[in-house]
């Protein structure tokens, strides 16, 4: 696996978790709304669904919550793997750069302000850390 992809795995899972939480909120909203009766197609379906319309949103929310739990477990595992790989570096500055960049998802400018280095130095330390990182 590419080193950058490996380091970005945690952030990508965090994005999926945020989207799943938004979907769960949407399902919750839809399950709490009760639509009015629909009399347009009475008798057209020989085996009509007799569930209330909001029931499907409850089922979808339950499924999404199970998926969210799996994603959160994957994210925790990915974060541990990334932190383990980063901790094998000998230079604490390189470790901090990679943690700020890939765990905290800070911009180059934010990292340079936190570490009191120029952005050029931060990028150089980042590139050196990527070179010697062992997956």
C-alpha atoms as a PDB file:
ATOM      1  CA  UNK A   1       0.000   0.000   0.000  1.00  0.00           C
ATOM      2  CA  UNK A   2       1.168   3.512  -0.765  1.00  0.00           C
ATOM      3  CA  UNK A   3       2.440   5.289   2.360  1.00  0.00           C
ATOM      4  CA  UNK A   4       0.305   8.391   1.829  1.00  0.00           C
ATOM      5  CA  UNK A   5      -2.826   6.280   1.269  1.00  0.00           C
ATOM      6  CA  UNK A   6      -2.025   4.359   4.434  1.00  0.00           C
ATOM      7  CA  UNK A   7      -1.667   7.583   6.413  1.00  0.00           C
ATOM      8  CA  UNK A   8      -4.880   9.047   4.945  1.00  0.00           C
ATOM      9  CA  UNK A   9      -6.930   5.947   5.792  1.00  0.00           C
ATOM     10  CA  UNK A  10      -7.989   7.304   9.204  1.00  0.00           C
ATOM     11  CA  UNK A  11      -9.110  10.640   7.770  1.00  0.00           C
ATOM     12  CA  UNK A  12     -11.081   8.941   4.995  1.00  0.00           C
ATOM     13  CA  UNK A  13     -12.865   6.783   7.572  1.00  0.00           C
ATOM     14  CA  UNK A  14     -13.651   9.914   9.602  1.00  0.00           C
ATOM     15  CA  UNK A  15     -15.330  11.408   6.516  1.00  0.00           C
ATOM     16  CA  UNK A  16     -17.392   8.236   6.038  1.00  0.00           C
ATOM     17  CA  UNK A  17     -18.391   8.336   9.720  1.00  0.00           C
ATOM     18  CA  UNK A  18     -19.550  11.951   9.409  1.00  0.00           C
ATOM     19  CA  UNK A  19     -21.626  11.112   6.326  1.00  0.00           C
ATOM     20  CA  UNK A  20     -23.143   8.084   8.060  1.00  0.00           C
ATOM     21  CA  UNK A  21     -24.087  10.260  11.062  1.00  0.00           C
ATOM     22  CA  UNK A  22     -25.780  12.732   8.717  1.00  0.00           C
ATOM     23  CA  UNK A  23     -27.709   9.867   7.103  1.00  0.00           C
ATOM     24  CA  UNK A  24     -28.781   8.560  10.513  1.00  0.00           C
ATOM     25  CA  UNK A  25     -30.047  12.031  11.436  1.00  0.00           C
ATOM     26  CA  UNK A  26     -31.946  12.173   8.141  1.00  0.00           C
ATOM     27  CA  UNK A  27     -33.523   8.756   8.795  1.00  0.00           C
ATOM     28  CA  UNK A  28     -34.439   9.867  12.312  1.00  0.00           C
ATOM     29  CA  UNK A  29     -36.100  12.973  10.917  1.00  0.00           C
ATOM     30  CA  UNK A  30     -38.016  10.980   8.311  1.00  0.00           C
ATOM     31  CA  UNK A  31     -39.099   8.353  10.843  1.00  0.00           C
ATOM     32  CA  UNK A  32     -40.576  11.056  13.072  1.00  0.00           C
ATOM     33  CA  UNK A  33     -42.656  12.550  10.280  1.00  0.00           C
ATOM     34  CA  UNK A  34     -45.968  10.922   9.552  1.00  0.00           C
ATOM     35  CA  UNK A  35     -47.249  11.502   6.027  1.00  0.00           C
ATOM     36  CA  UNK A  36     -50.922  11.883   5.256  1.00  0.00           C
ATOM     37  CA  UNK A  37     -52.950   9.096   3.713  1.00  0.00           C
ATOM     38  CA  UNK A  38     -52.580   8.348   0.015  1.00  0.00           C
ATOM     39  CA  UNK A  39     -55.756   7.178  -1.736  1.00  0.00           C
ATOM     40  CA  UNK A  40     -54.487   7.271  -5.331  1.00  0.00           C
ATOM     41  CA  UNK A  41     -53.581   3.628  -5.877  1.00  0.00           C
ATOM     42  CA  UNK A  42     -55.975   1.666  -3.700  1.00  0.00           C
ATOM     43  CA  UNK A  43     -56.442  -1.824  -5.070  1.00  0.00           C
ATOM     44  CA  UNK A  44     -53.710  -1.664  -7.722  1.00  0.00           C
ATOM     45  CA  UNK A  45     -51.237  -3.864  -5.828  1.00  0.00           C
ATOM     46  CA  UNK A  46     -52.346  -7.463  -5.088  1.00  0.00           C
ATOM     47  CA  UNK A  47     -49.940  -7.696  -2.115  1.00  0.00           C
ATOM     48  CA  UNK A  48     -49.806  -4.221  -0.602  1.00  0.00           C
ATOM     49  CA  UNK A  49     -47.263  -3.272   2.052  1.00  0.00           C
ATOM     50  CA  UNK A  50     -49.303  -2.674   5.178  1.00  0.00           C
ATOM     51  CA  UNK A  51     -46.460  -1.115   7.180  1.00  0.00           C
ATOM     52  CA  UNK A  52     -46.715   2.538   8.059  1.00  0.00           C
ATOM     53  CA  UNK A  53     -44.621   4.683   5.660  1.00  0.00           C
ATOM     54  CA  UNK A  54     -42.232   5.806   8.394  1.00  0.00           C
ATOM     55  CA  UNK A  55     -41.302   2.228   9.356  1.00  0.00           C
ATOM     56  CA  UNK A  56     -38.840   1.875   6.457  1.00  0.00           C
ATOM     57  CA  UNK A  57     -36.899   4.868   7.817  1.00  0.00           C
ATOM     58  CA  UNK A  58     -36.665   3.219  11.221  1.00  0.00           C
ATOM     59  CA  UNK A  59     -35.217   0.076   9.627  1.00  0.00           C
ATOM     60  CA  UNK A  60     -32.786   2.126   7.553  1.00  0.00           C
ATOM     61  CA  UNK A  61     -31.651   4.004  10.673  1.00  0.00           C
ATOM     62  CA  UNK A  62     -31.043   0.736  12.524  1.00  0.00           C
ATOM     63  CA  UNK A  63     -28.965  -0.597   9.614  1.00  0.00           C
ATOM     64  CA  UNK A  64     -27.035   2.670   9.348  1.00  0.00           C
ATOM     65  CA  UNK A  65     -26.272   2.637  13.082  1.00  0.00           C
ATOM     66  CA  UNK A  66     -24.802  -0.871  12.745  1.00  0.00           C
ATOM     67  CA  UNK A  67     -22.676   0.323   9.794  1.00  0.00           C
ATOM     68  CA  UNK A  68     -21.586   3.351  11.839  1.00  0.00           C
ATOM     69  CA  UNK A  69     -20.392   1.112  14.653  1.00  0.00           C
ATOM     70  CA  UNK A  70     -18.310  -0.926  12.181  1.00  0.00           C
ATOM     71  CA  UNK A  71     -16.828   2.239  10.673  1.00  0.00           C
ATOM     72  CA  UNK A  72     -15.910   3.578  14.111  1.00  0.00           C
ATOM     73  CA  UNK A  73     -14.163   0.305  14.965  1.00  0.00           C
ATOM     74  CA  UNK A  74     -12.265   0.414  11.657  1.00  0.00           C
ATOM     75  CA  UNK A  75     -11.274   4.043  12.313  1.00  0.00           C
ATOM     76  CA  UNK A  76      -9.967   3.233  15.793  1.00  0.00           C
ATOM     77  CA  UNK A  77      -7.954   0.320  14.398  1.00  0.00           C
ATOM     78  CA  UNK A  78      -6.584   2.453  11.529  1.00  0.00           C
ATOM     79  CA  UNK A  79      -5.580   5.214  13.949  1.00  0.00           C
ATOM     80  CA  UNK A  80      -3.698   2.720  16.126  1.00  0.00           C
ATOM     81  CA  UNK A  81      -1.896   1.250  13.101  1.00  0.00           C
ATOM     82  CA  UNK A  82      -0.906   4.699  11.844  1.00  0.00           C
ATOM     83  CA  UNK A  83       0.285   5.847  15.265  1.00  0.00           C
ATOM     84  CA  UNK A  84       2.303   2.630  15.666  1.00  0.00           C
ATOM     85  CA  UNK A  85       4.019   3.190  12.318  1.00  0.00           C
ATOM     86  CA  UNK A  86       4.722   6.835  13.105  1.00  0.00           C
ATOM     87  CA  UNK A  87       6.089   6.025  16.561  1.00  0.00           C
ATOM     88  CA  UNK A  88       8.860   3.931  14.961  1.00  0.00           C
ATOM     89  CA  UNK A  89      10.480   7.098  13.588  1.00  0.00           C
ATOM     90  CA  UNK A  90      13.531   8.242  15.534  1.00  0.00           C
ATOM     91  CA  UNK A  91      12.915  11.966  15.162  1.00  0.00           C
ATOM     92  CA  UNK A  92      10.168  13.451  17.399  1.00  0.00           C
ATOM     93  CA  UNK A  93       9.730  16.410  15.030  1.00  0.00           C
ATOM     94  CA  UNK A  94       8.997  14.067  12.131  1.00  0.00           C
ATOM     95  CA  UNK A  95       6.530  12.184  14.305  1.00  0.00           C
ATOM     96  CA  UNK A  96       4.743  15.386  15.240  1.00  0.00           C
ATOM     97  CA  UNK A  97       4.561  16.523  11.612  1.00  0.00           C
ATOM     98  CA  UNK A  98       2.954  13.243  10.520  1.00  0.00           C
ATOM     99  CA  UNK A  99       0.551  13.171  13.466  1.00  0.00           C
ATOM    100  CA  UNK A 100      -0.524  16.767  12.906  1.00  0.00           C
ATOM    101  CA  UNK A 101      -0.922  16.140   9.189  1.00  0.00           C
ATOM    102  CA  UNK A 102      -2.620  12.732   9.096  1.00  0.00           C
ATOM    103  CA  UNK A 103      -4.268  12.242  12.485  1.00  0.00           C
ATOM    104  CA  UNK A 104      -5.273  15.815  13.329  1.00  0.00           C
ATOM    105  CA  UNK A 105      -5.557  16.727   9.616  1.00  0.00           C
ATOM    106  CA  UNK A 106      -3.920  20.139  10.012  1.00  0.00           C
ATOM    107  CA  UNK A 107      -2.857  22.312   7.102  1.00  0.00           C
ATOM    108  CA  UNK A 108       0.804  22.992   6.397  1.00  0.00           C
ATOM    109  CA  UNK A 109       0.425  26.524   7.731  1.00  0.00           C
ATOM    110  CA  UNK A 110      -1.173  25.318  10.977  1.00  0.00           C
ATOM    111  CA  UNK A 111       1.594  22.765  11.492  1.00  0.00           C
ATOM    112  CA  UNK A 112       4.311  25.349  10.882  1.00  0.00           C
ATOM    113  CA  UNK A 113       2.663  27.728  13.376  1.00  0.00           C
ATOM    114  CA  UNK A 114       2.350  24.994  16.028  1.00  0.00           C
ATOM    115  CA  UNK A 115       5.922  23.788  15.630  1.00  0.00           C
ATOM    116  CA  UNK A 116       7.523  27.214  15.051  1.00  0.00           C
ATOM    117  CA  UNK A 117       9.192  26.157  11.795  1.00  0.00           C
ATOM    118  CA  UNK A 118       8.799  27.554   8.303  1.00  0.00           C
ATOM    119  CA  UNK A 119       6.400  25.706   6.012  1.00  0.00           C
ATOM    120  CA  UNK A 120       9.375  24.731   3.844  1.00  0.00           C
ATOM    121  CA  UNK A 121      11.047  23.056   6.816  1.00  0.00           C
ATOM    122  CA  UNK A 122       7.793  21.319   7.735  1.00  0.00           C
ATOM    123  CA  UNK A 123       7.419  19.932   4.214  1.00  0.00           C
ATOM    124  CA  UNK A 124      11.048  18.816   4.179  1.00  0.00           C
ATOM    125  CA  UNK A 125      10.585  17.010   7.512  1.00  0.00           C
ATOM    126  CA  UNK A 126       7.371  15.477   6.154  1.00  0.00           C
ATOM    127  CA  UNK A 127       9.091  14.188   3.018  1.00  0.00           C
ATOM    128  CA  UNK A 128      11.977  12.769   5.037  1.00  0.00           C
ATOM    129  CA  UNK A 129       9.556  11.058   7.408  1.00  0.00           C
ATOM    130  CA  UNK A 130       7.632   9.535   4.504  1.00  0.00           C
ATOM    131  CA  UNK A 131      10.903   8.231   3.045  1.00  0.00           C
ATOM    132  CA  UNK A 132      11.893   6.383   6.207  1.00  0.00           C
ATOM    133  CA  UNK A 133       8.403   5.364   7.377  1.00  0.00           C
ATOM    134  CA  UNK A 134       8.008   1.617   7.701  1.00  0.00           C
ATOM    135  CA  UNK A 135       4.537   0.167   7.194  1.00  0.00           C
END
